[in-house]
Every structure is written in C-alpha cells, then in structure tokens.
Protein backbone atom coordinates (compact mmCIF):
# COMPACT_ATOMS: atom_id res chain seq x y z
CA MET A 1 -3.71 41.40 -82.57
CA ASP A 2 -5.07 38.70 -84.87
CA LEU A 3 -5.16 39.37 -88.61
CA GLU A 4 -8.90 38.57 -88.79
CA ALA A 5 -9.65 41.27 -86.16
CA HIS A 6 -7.87 44.08 -88.03
CA GLN A 7 -10.08 46.97 -89.14
CA PHE A 8 -8.93 46.64 -92.77
CA ILE A 9 -10.30 43.08 -92.91
CA SER A 10 -13.56 44.20 -91.30
CA TYR A 11 -14.30 46.43 -94.32
CA PHE A 12 -14.89 43.34 -96.49
CA GLU A 13 -17.75 40.87 -96.53
CA ARG A 14 -17.03 37.45 -95.06
CA GLU A 15 -16.03 35.68 -98.28
CA GLN A 16 -13.82 38.52 -99.48
CA ALA A 17 -12.30 38.97 -96.00
CA ALA A 18 -11.25 35.31 -96.10
CA GLN A 19 -9.64 35.87 -99.51
CA VAL A 20 -7.71 38.90 -98.24
CA CYS A 21 -6.50 36.95 -95.18
CA LYS A 22 -5.34 34.14 -97.44
CA LEU A 23 -3.30 36.62 -99.49
CA ALA A 24 -1.67 38.20 -96.44
CA VAL A 25 1.81 37.22 -95.26
CA VAL A 26 2.54 38.00 -91.59
CA GLU A 27 6.11 39.03 -90.77
CA ASN A 28 8.03 40.39 -87.78
CA PHE A 29 10.22 43.46 -88.28
CA ALA A 30 13.08 44.61 -86.03
CA ASP A 31 13.38 48.10 -84.54
CA ARG A 32 14.64 50.67 -87.14
CA GLU A 33 14.21 48.18 -90.00
CA ILE A 34 13.22 49.93 -93.22
CA ILE A 35 10.06 48.56 -94.83
CA PHE A 36 10.23 50.60 -98.02
CA GLN A 37 12.05 53.68 -99.28
CA GLU A 38 10.68 56.90 -100.68
CA GLY A 39 10.32 56.61 -104.46
CA GLU A 40 9.95 52.81 -104.59
CA ILE A 41 7.25 51.24 -106.74
CA PRO A 42 4.37 50.10 -104.46
CA ASP A 43 3.73 46.38 -104.26
CA PHE A 44 1.98 45.78 -100.90
CA VAL A 45 -0.56 47.17 -98.46
CA TYR A 46 0.63 46.69 -94.86
CA LEU A 47 -1.57 46.02 -91.84
CA VAL A 48 -0.05 46.83 -88.42
CA LEU A 49 -0.78 43.96 -86.03
CA ALA A 50 1.69 45.09 -83.32
CA GLY A 51 4.27 47.83 -82.80
CA GLU A 52 4.62 51.14 -84.64
CA VAL A 53 5.84 52.35 -88.03
CA GLU A 54 7.14 55.86 -88.74
CA PHE A 55 6.90 57.64 -92.11
CA ARG A 56 9.70 60.07 -92.96
CA LYS A 57 10.53 62.49 -95.75
CA ASN A 58 14.14 63.07 -96.77
CA ASN A 59 14.92 66.78 -96.41
CA GLY A 60 18.38 66.45 -97.95
CA ASN A 61 21.81 65.64 -96.48
CA ASN A 62 20.37 62.38 -95.18
CA LYS A 63 18.12 64.26 -92.72
CA TYR A 64 14.58 63.04 -92.23
CA GLN A 65 11.38 64.61 -90.96
CA THR A 66 8.59 62.50 -89.52
CA VAL A 67 5.25 63.10 -91.25
CA ALA A 68 3.06 60.33 -89.80
CA LEU A 69 2.92 57.31 -87.51
CA ALA A 70 1.02 54.02 -87.89
CA LYS A 71 0.10 52.02 -84.78
CA GLN A 72 -1.65 48.72 -84.08
CA ASN A 73 -4.86 48.32 -86.14
CA ASP A 74 -3.73 50.95 -88.68
CA PHE A 75 -2.73 50.15 -92.26
CA PHE A 76 -0.53 51.92 -94.79
CA GLY A 77 0.73 51.74 -98.35
CA GLU A 78 -2.78 51.93 -99.79
CA PHE A 79 -2.13 55.19 -101.66
CA GLY A 80 0.54 53.69 -103.89
CA VAL A 81 -1.42 50.48 -104.38
CA LEU A 82 -4.54 52.35 -105.50
CA ASP A 83 -2.91 54.91 -107.82
CA GLY A 84 0.27 53.06 -108.80
CA GLN A 85 2.51 56.06 -108.05
CA PRO A 86 5.91 55.74 -106.30
CA ARG A 87 6.05 55.75 -102.50
CA SER A 88 5.88 59.31 -101.14
CA ALA A 89 7.83 58.61 -97.93
CA GLN A 90 10.14 56.14 -96.23
CA ALA A 91 8.52 53.63 -93.85
CA ILE A 92 10.69 52.56 -90.91
CA VAL A 93 9.86 50.51 -87.82
CA CYS A 94 10.19 52.67 -84.67
CA SER A 95 9.46 49.80 -82.29
CA GLY A 96 9.52 46.10 -83.14
CA ALA A 97 6.48 45.51 -85.33
CA THR A 98 4.38 42.67 -86.68
CA LEU A 99 2.92 43.46 -90.10
CA ALA A 100 0.69 41.64 -92.59
CA ARG A 101 1.67 42.22 -96.24
CA ILE A 102 -1.08 42.04 -98.86
CA PRO A 103 0.16 42.00 -102.48
CA ARG A 104 -1.15 44.72 -104.77
CA ASP A 105 -2.29 42.55 -107.68
CA GLY A 106 -4.34 40.17 -105.56
CA LEU A 107 -5.90 42.99 -103.54
CA MET A 108 -6.89 44.96 -106.67
CA GLU A 109 -8.57 41.87 -108.10
CA ILE A 110 -10.63 41.48 -104.91
CA LEU A 111 -11.51 45.20 -104.84
CA ASN A 112 -12.70 45.06 -108.45
CA ASN A 113 -15.32 42.52 -107.35
CA THR A 114 -16.45 44.24 -104.15
CA LYS A 115 -19.53 46.30 -103.44
CA GLY A 116 -19.29 50.07 -103.39
CA SER A 117 -19.69 50.11 -99.60
CA VAL A 118 -16.24 48.53 -99.16
CA VAL A 119 -14.62 51.19 -101.33
CA LEU A 120 -16.46 53.93 -99.39
CA LYS A 121 -15.14 52.56 -96.08
CA LEU A 122 -11.60 52.55 -97.44
CA LEU A 123 -12.08 56.07 -98.79
CA GLY A 124 -13.34 57.24 -95.40
CA TYR A 125 -10.25 55.84 -93.69
CA ILE A 126 -7.95 57.45 -96.26
CA VAL A 127 -9.60 60.86 -95.74
CA ARG A 128 -9.23 60.58 -91.94
CA HIS A 129 -5.62 59.51 -92.38
CA LEU A 130 -4.90 62.49 -94.63
CA ARG A 131 -6.47 64.89 -92.12
CA SER A 132 -4.39 63.42 -89.30
CA THR A 133 -1.17 63.52 -91.31
CA THR A 134 -1.79 67.11 -92.37
CA ALA A 135 -2.47 68.18 -88.77
CA GLN A 136 0.71 66.44 -87.57
CA TYR A 137 2.79 68.08 -90.31
CA VAL A 138 1.41 71.54 -89.50
CA ASN A 139 2.15 71.02 -85.80
CA GLN A 140 5.73 70.05 -86.65
CA MET A 141 6.17 73.20 -88.74
CA VAL A 142 4.82 75.37 -85.91
CA HIS A 143 7.14 73.57 -83.47
CA LYS A 144 10.19 74.19 -85.70
CA GLU A 145 9.33 77.88 -85.95
CA LYS A 146 8.95 78.12 -82.17
CA MET A 147 12.29 76.37 -81.65
CA ALA A 148 13.98 78.78 -84.06
CA LEU A 149 12.47 81.71 -82.16
CA VAL A 150 13.67 80.25 -78.84
CA GLY A 151 17.17 79.89 -80.27
CA GLU A 152 17.24 83.53 -81.37
CA MET A 153 15.87 84.70 -78.01
CA VAL A 154 18.37 82.67 -75.98
CA ASN A 155 21.26 83.93 -78.12
CA THR A 156 20.19 87.49 -77.33
CA ILE A 157 19.85 86.71 -73.62
CA ILE A 158 23.30 85.11 -73.42
CA HIS A 159 24.84 88.08 -75.19
CA ASP A 160 23.08 90.65 -72.98
CA PHE A 161 23.61 89.13 -69.56
CA ARG A 162 27.08 87.65 -69.95
CA SER A 163 28.69 90.99 -69.05
CA PRO A 164 26.74 91.72 -65.82
CA VAL A 165 26.93 88.09 -64.72
CA THR A 166 30.70 88.09 -65.26
CA SER A 167 30.92 91.23 -63.14
CA ILE A 168 29.03 89.50 -60.33
CA TYR A 169 31.38 86.53 -60.55
CA LEU A 170 34.52 88.70 -60.45
CA ALA A 171 33.12 90.73 -57.53
CA SER A 172 32.67 87.52 -55.52
CA VAL A 173 36.26 86.52 -56.32
CA MET A 174 37.54 89.86 -55.04
CA LEU A 175 35.33 89.64 -51.96
CA LYS A 176 36.91 86.29 -51.08
CA GLU A 177 40.38 87.82 -51.39
CA PHE A 178 39.58 90.79 -49.12
CA HIS A 179 37.59 88.74 -46.58
CA PRO A 180 39.07 85.23 -46.43
CA ASP A 181 37.01 84.13 -43.43
CA GLU A 182 35.19 80.79 -43.67
CA GLU A 183 31.64 82.17 -43.85
CA THR A 184 32.41 84.74 -46.55
CA ILE A 185 34.25 82.15 -48.63
CA GLU A 186 31.25 79.80 -48.40
CA TRP A 187 28.81 82.50 -49.55
CA CYS A 188 31.09 83.57 -52.40
CA ASP A 189 31.43 79.95 -53.52
CA ILE A 190 27.64 79.72 -53.66
CA ILE A 191 27.44 82.94 -55.70
CA GLN A 192 29.99 81.63 -58.19
CA ALA A 193 28.27 78.26 -58.47
CA GLN A 194 24.91 79.93 -59.14
CA VAL A 195 26.45 82.21 -61.77
CA ARG A 196 27.85 79.16 -63.58
CA ARG A 197 24.44 77.52 -63.38
CA MET A 198 22.73 80.58 -64.87
CA LEU A 199 25.05 80.55 -67.86
CA GLY A 200 24.66 76.79 -68.17
CA MET A 201 20.87 77.04 -68.16
CA ALA A 202 20.95 79.49 -71.05
CA GLU A 203 23.35 77.28 -73.00
CA GLU A 204 21.10 74.25 -72.40
CA ALA A 205 18.06 76.11 -73.73
CA LEU A 206 20.09 76.96 -76.83
CA GLU A 207 21.12 73.31 -77.26
CA PHE A 208 17.51 72.19 -76.87
CA ALA A 209 16.35 74.65 -79.52
CA SER A 210 18.99 73.31 -81.91
CA GLY A 211 17.83 69.73 -81.27
CA HIS A 212 20.81 68.18 -79.52
CA ALA A 213 22.38 68.12 -76.06
CA VAL A 214 26.17 68.30 -75.73
CA LEU A 215 27.31 66.22 -72.76
CA ASN A 216 30.53 66.61 -70.80
CA THR A 217 30.40 63.27 -69.02
CA GLN A 218 32.54 61.99 -66.18
CA PRO A 219 32.02 59.73 -63.14
CA VAL A 220 29.50 61.43 -60.82
CA ASN A 221 28.68 60.32 -57.28
CA LEU A 222 24.96 60.95 -56.76
CA ASP A 223 25.44 61.32 -53.00
CA PHE A 224 27.87 64.21 -53.55
CA LEU A 225 25.72 65.74 -56.31
CA LEU A 226 22.55 65.74 -54.21
CA GLN A 227 24.32 67.11 -51.13
CA ASN A 228 25.63 69.95 -53.29
CA PHE A 229 22.15 70.52 -54.72
CA GLU A 230 20.72 70.84 -51.21
CA LYS A 231 23.47 73.29 -50.22
CA LEU A 232 22.84 75.54 -53.24
CA ASN A 233 19.09 75.60 -52.56
CA ARG A 234 19.10 75.83 -48.77
CA ILE A 235 18.05 79.50 -48.66
CA TYR A 236 15.52 78.95 -51.47
CA PHE A 237 13.82 76.15 -49.53
CA LYS A 238 13.83 78.15 -46.29
CA ASP A 239 12.26 81.17 -47.95
CA ALA A 240 9.59 78.98 -49.60
CA LYS A 241 8.86 77.17 -46.28
CA VAL A 242 9.76 73.84 -47.85
CA GLU A 243 10.93 70.86 -45.84
CA PHE A 244 13.64 69.15 -47.88
CA LYS A 245 14.92 65.63 -47.19
CA LEU A 246 17.63 63.53 -48.81
CA ASN A 247 18.06 59.75 -48.84
CA THR A 248 21.29 59.13 -50.69
CA ALA A 249 23.58 56.19 -51.36
CA ASP A 250 27.07 55.78 -52.76
CA VAL A 251 25.91 55.46 -56.39
CA VAL A 252 28.22 56.40 -59.27
CA ILE A 253 27.11 57.09 -62.82
CA ASN A 254 28.75 58.50 -65.94
CA ALA A 255 27.03 61.83 -66.47
CA ASP A 256 27.22 65.56 -67.08
CA GLU A 257 26.93 66.88 -63.52
CA ASN A 258 25.82 70.39 -64.48
CA LYS A 259 23.03 69.12 -66.71
CA LEU A 260 21.76 66.71 -64.04
CA MET A 261 21.69 69.63 -61.60
CA ARG A 262 19.59 71.46 -64.18
CA VAL A 263 17.10 68.57 -64.31
CA LEU A 264 16.83 68.46 -60.52
CA GLN A 265 16.42 72.24 -60.27
CA ASN A 266 13.71 72.18 -62.89
CA LEU A 267 11.62 69.44 -61.32
CA VAL A 268 12.10 70.65 -57.74
CA GLY A 269 11.44 74.25 -58.78
CA ASN A 270 8.12 73.19 -60.31
CA ALA A 271 7.17 71.48 -57.04
CA VAL A 272 8.05 74.57 -54.98
CA GLU A 273 5.98 76.78 -57.29
CA ALA A 274 3.05 74.39 -56.95
CA PHE A 275 3.06 74.94 -53.17
CA LYS A 276 2.23 78.63 -53.87
CA GLY A 277 4.00 79.90 -50.79
CA CYS A 278 2.09 77.65 -48.39
CA GLY A 279 5.06 75.35 -47.79
CA GLY A 280 5.35 71.63 -48.33
CA ARG A 281 7.70 68.66 -48.35
CA ILE A 282 10.12 67.45 -51.01
CA GLU A 283 12.17 64.29 -50.73
CA ILE A 284 14.88 63.04 -53.09
CA SER A 285 16.24 59.51 -52.95
CA ALA A 286 19.03 57.86 -54.92
CA LEU A 287 19.60 54.13 -55.07
CA ALA A 288 21.05 51.42 -57.30
CA LYS A 289 18.85 48.76 -58.90
CA GLU A 290 20.81 46.10 -60.79
CA LYS A 291 22.47 48.05 -63.65
CA VAL A 292 20.43 51.22 -63.16
CA ALA A 293 20.68 54.20 -60.82
CA GLU A 294 17.29 55.56 -59.83
CA ILE A 295 16.62 59.09 -58.60
CA ILE A 296 13.18 59.56 -57.04
CA ILE A 297 11.81 63.07 -56.48
CA CYS A 298 8.66 63.09 -54.36
CA ASP A 299 6.51 66.01 -53.16
CA ASN A 300 3.21 66.36 -51.29
CA GLY A 301 1.87 69.13 -53.50
CA PRO A 302 -1.45 69.38 -55.36
CA GLY A 303 -0.32 67.13 -58.21
CA ILE A 304 0.10 67.87 -61.91
CA PRO A 305 -3.14 69.11 -63.51
CA GLU A 306 -4.86 66.39 -65.53
CA GLU A 307 -5.06 68.75 -68.50
CA ILE A 308 -1.30 68.53 -69.12
CA ARG A 309 -0.28 65.12 -67.72
CA GLU A 310 -0.35 63.33 -71.05
CA HIS A 311 1.83 66.01 -72.69
CA LEU A 312 3.93 67.08 -69.70
CA PHE A 313 7.26 66.48 -71.47
CA ASP A 314 6.21 68.18 -74.72
CA PRO A 315 7.68 71.65 -75.43
CA PHE A 316 5.56 74.72 -74.62
CA VAL A 317 3.16 72.81 -72.35
CA THR A 318 2.38 74.84 -69.23
CA TYR A 319 -0.59 75.38 -66.94
CA GLY A 320 -1.31 78.15 -64.44
CA LYS A 321 2.31 79.38 -64.20
CA ARG A 322 2.77 83.11 -64.61
CA GLY A 323 5.58 83.63 -67.10
CA GLY A 324 6.05 79.89 -67.68
CA THR A 325 7.55 78.90 -71.04
CA GLY A 326 6.65 75.21 -70.96
CA LEU A 327 10.22 74.24 -71.82
CA GLY A 328 11.47 73.09 -68.42
CA THR A 329 10.26 69.48 -68.39
CA ALA A 330 10.96 69.12 -72.12
CA ILE A 331 14.59 70.13 -71.56
CA ALA A 332 14.80 67.80 -68.54
CA LYS A 333 13.57 64.88 -70.66
CA SER A 334 16.01 65.67 -73.47
CA ILE A 335 18.92 65.73 -70.98
CA ILE A 336 17.94 62.40 -69.40
CA GLU A 337 17.50 60.75 -72.80
CA ALA A 338 20.87 62.13 -73.94
CA HIS A 339 22.30 60.15 -70.98
CA SER A 340 20.55 57.00 -72.33
CA GLY A 341 18.16 57.24 -69.40
CA GLU A 342 14.41 57.40 -68.81
CA ILE A 343 12.12 59.76 -66.91
CA SER A 344 8.53 59.12 -65.84
CA PHE A 345 6.13 60.32 -63.17
CA ARG A 346 3.09 59.45 -61.09
CA SER A 347 0.77 62.20 -59.88
CA ASN A 348 -2.58 62.74 -58.19
CA ALA A 349 -4.18 65.45 -56.09
CA ASP A 350 -4.21 63.39 -52.87
CA GLU A 351 -0.58 62.18 -52.82
CA GLY A 352 1.34 64.78 -54.83
CA THR A 353 3.83 63.98 -57.59
CA THR A 354 6.73 61.55 -57.84
CA PHE A 355 9.29 61.64 -60.66
CA TYR A 356 11.43 58.60 -61.47
CA ILE A 357 14.75 59.14 -63.24
CA ARG A 358 16.67 56.01 -64.33
CA LEU A 359 20.26 56.26 -65.53
CA PRO A 360 22.81 53.56 -66.41
CA LEU A 361 25.35 52.71 -63.73
CA ILE A 362 29.02 52.70 -64.65
CA SER A 363 29.93 49.22 -65.87
CA GLN A 364 32.18 47.37 -63.46
C-alpha cells in the first residue's frame, strides 16, 4: 500500500501528514530479518506497508514466544517512542515486509504541535492494540496448558494399552504359524499393520503435544503407499458403504511412510464420518507437477461447516463430532509441514470437500 494511505498518516491533518510522510524512510525487509531486539532503545515508529512482522519475547535458552503480529496498515514501536523506555519485545519479519520508518525526534516534534484529536486517535489505536495483544497472549497460555494436558493423557494411554496391543500382535504371529494358509496370513498381516498404526498414532499425538514431529524419512512410492492404504481400509469402507477410488502414478518422494498414512487416515476418516452412515464416494489421486508431488483427496460429502473452515487446522477445533478432540487436522498439518510440504482445501455443501497435499519430489 502507499505510505499516504496508511491509517497512521490519516490521523494527522493534511499539513502535518505531509510532514510525517517527508520524515518517513521506506525500506524492504527480508523474511526472518530482525528489525529490533528486546531491550534496545527506541528510535523509530514503523508503519507496515506490506507483509507481516512478528513480536516475540525471549523465554530463556534462546526460545521465543510470539506475543503479537502486525500486518499491512498496522504500525508498531509507538510505545517506546512515546515513553522512551527500552523495547519490550523482539520484532522480526515473518514474511517479506515493506516498512516505513519514522524517526522518534521528528515525530515527537510534530506531535507536540498537533491538536488533541490526533493524540486521542493514536491513544484509541494503542488501547485496541493492547486488548488484541492481551487476548492473543491469553489464548497462547490456554493452548500451552491444553497441549501439556494432551501430553500427559497420551503418555497414560500409551502406557495402559501397550500391553494388550502387544498381546494382540503376538497372537496374530502365532496364528500365522499354526495356520500358514494364504488367507489367514493376509488377515494376520493386516492385524499387525493396524496394531503398529495404533501405536504410531499415539506417538504422533505425543510428538504434536511436545511441539515437534520426528520423521523417519526414506524414498516412498505413492502408488505403493496408496494401494496399501486401500487394502488396510477395505473392510472399513465396505462397512461404511463408501465407494473408494484410486488414481495413482509412479511418484516417489522422501517421506515418513507411517506418518503420511496417518494424514490420509485422518482426512479420509473425517470424510467417512461426515457421510453419517449414508454412504458416499472418496477418490484419491497422486501425480507429479514439476518439482512437487500432489495428493488430492476428494469426497462428495456435505462439506466442512462454515463455522470452522477458517480455523480447520487449528488445534481443538471440531464441530458436530461426538467424542472429537479437534486434533486430527492439526496433527495432519504439522506432519505435512514437517515434510516441507503444504496442505489446503476447498469445500462447499454442493460439491463436497477436496484436500490438496503438496510434497517435494526427490531431486534427480
């Protein structure tokens, strides 16, 4: 946006606005470039003309917690300029930004000669900004407490069900030894694969609660992975009256196969639940586009409710699901991003929902 159109400039009368614009220096900042550090003496007010700036507090051991975010048409740094106290947080660019810097001395001289209405407008913005920052900080604290509770709960679950699940696994191994016919072996293989998935799902929830995903990556052929996914869910789809279709290609990526299976199970499971026992159609396609592998998951269900679309990938967001935790899509997103990939979706009531997963291809 143009400097003259910024809301900060609009607070001033025409003559003073021109003086402020004359003082301002417009600069481009790269992604992750630090604008100022916590504790520095304030010297500028910054107007955001494009991009975003993140404000972080150092919690010790070089760990930071985000406390606020400034987007286009916002401004920041006014607290230190007005009271002369050191910066209370670090400011870092979180996407390439264009900022206008207004020096403290020149701005204070202009403000000393302004009408009270200008100061009141600035004060109003500062109050709104403080309310927003406080609300964001409180939400982060609540989120951290929820994540800690999830971690404790998952630890308990893993401890409690590891013994019975191991018994099921060993029973299937013995069954294969006593009945080595082809059909029995196939069913026992499915049992063992599902047991491993159950343990993996619990471990992934624990990783998510701790804030990081541990990947065991290797070359994965998406054709093989999706065929295996269909095999493991064949009975599930039949019982739910779901028509399942695959369109696969010989696409190879570097990935953690078990975690990708978890993502697929999560998204497909949500689609099956949305059918509510009435049946439906789910189609998964895999193809290569330049340097990216794309997995497309499409269903003809009722679509994602509008109430949660904007926050679908946020933790604890759920709607109309009995016993839902709201962690499934959040975990799926964290797994895809840990693979340096992207996940998005398109949804409406008439056409159903389509998820798009993009992952890097193995470099040739």
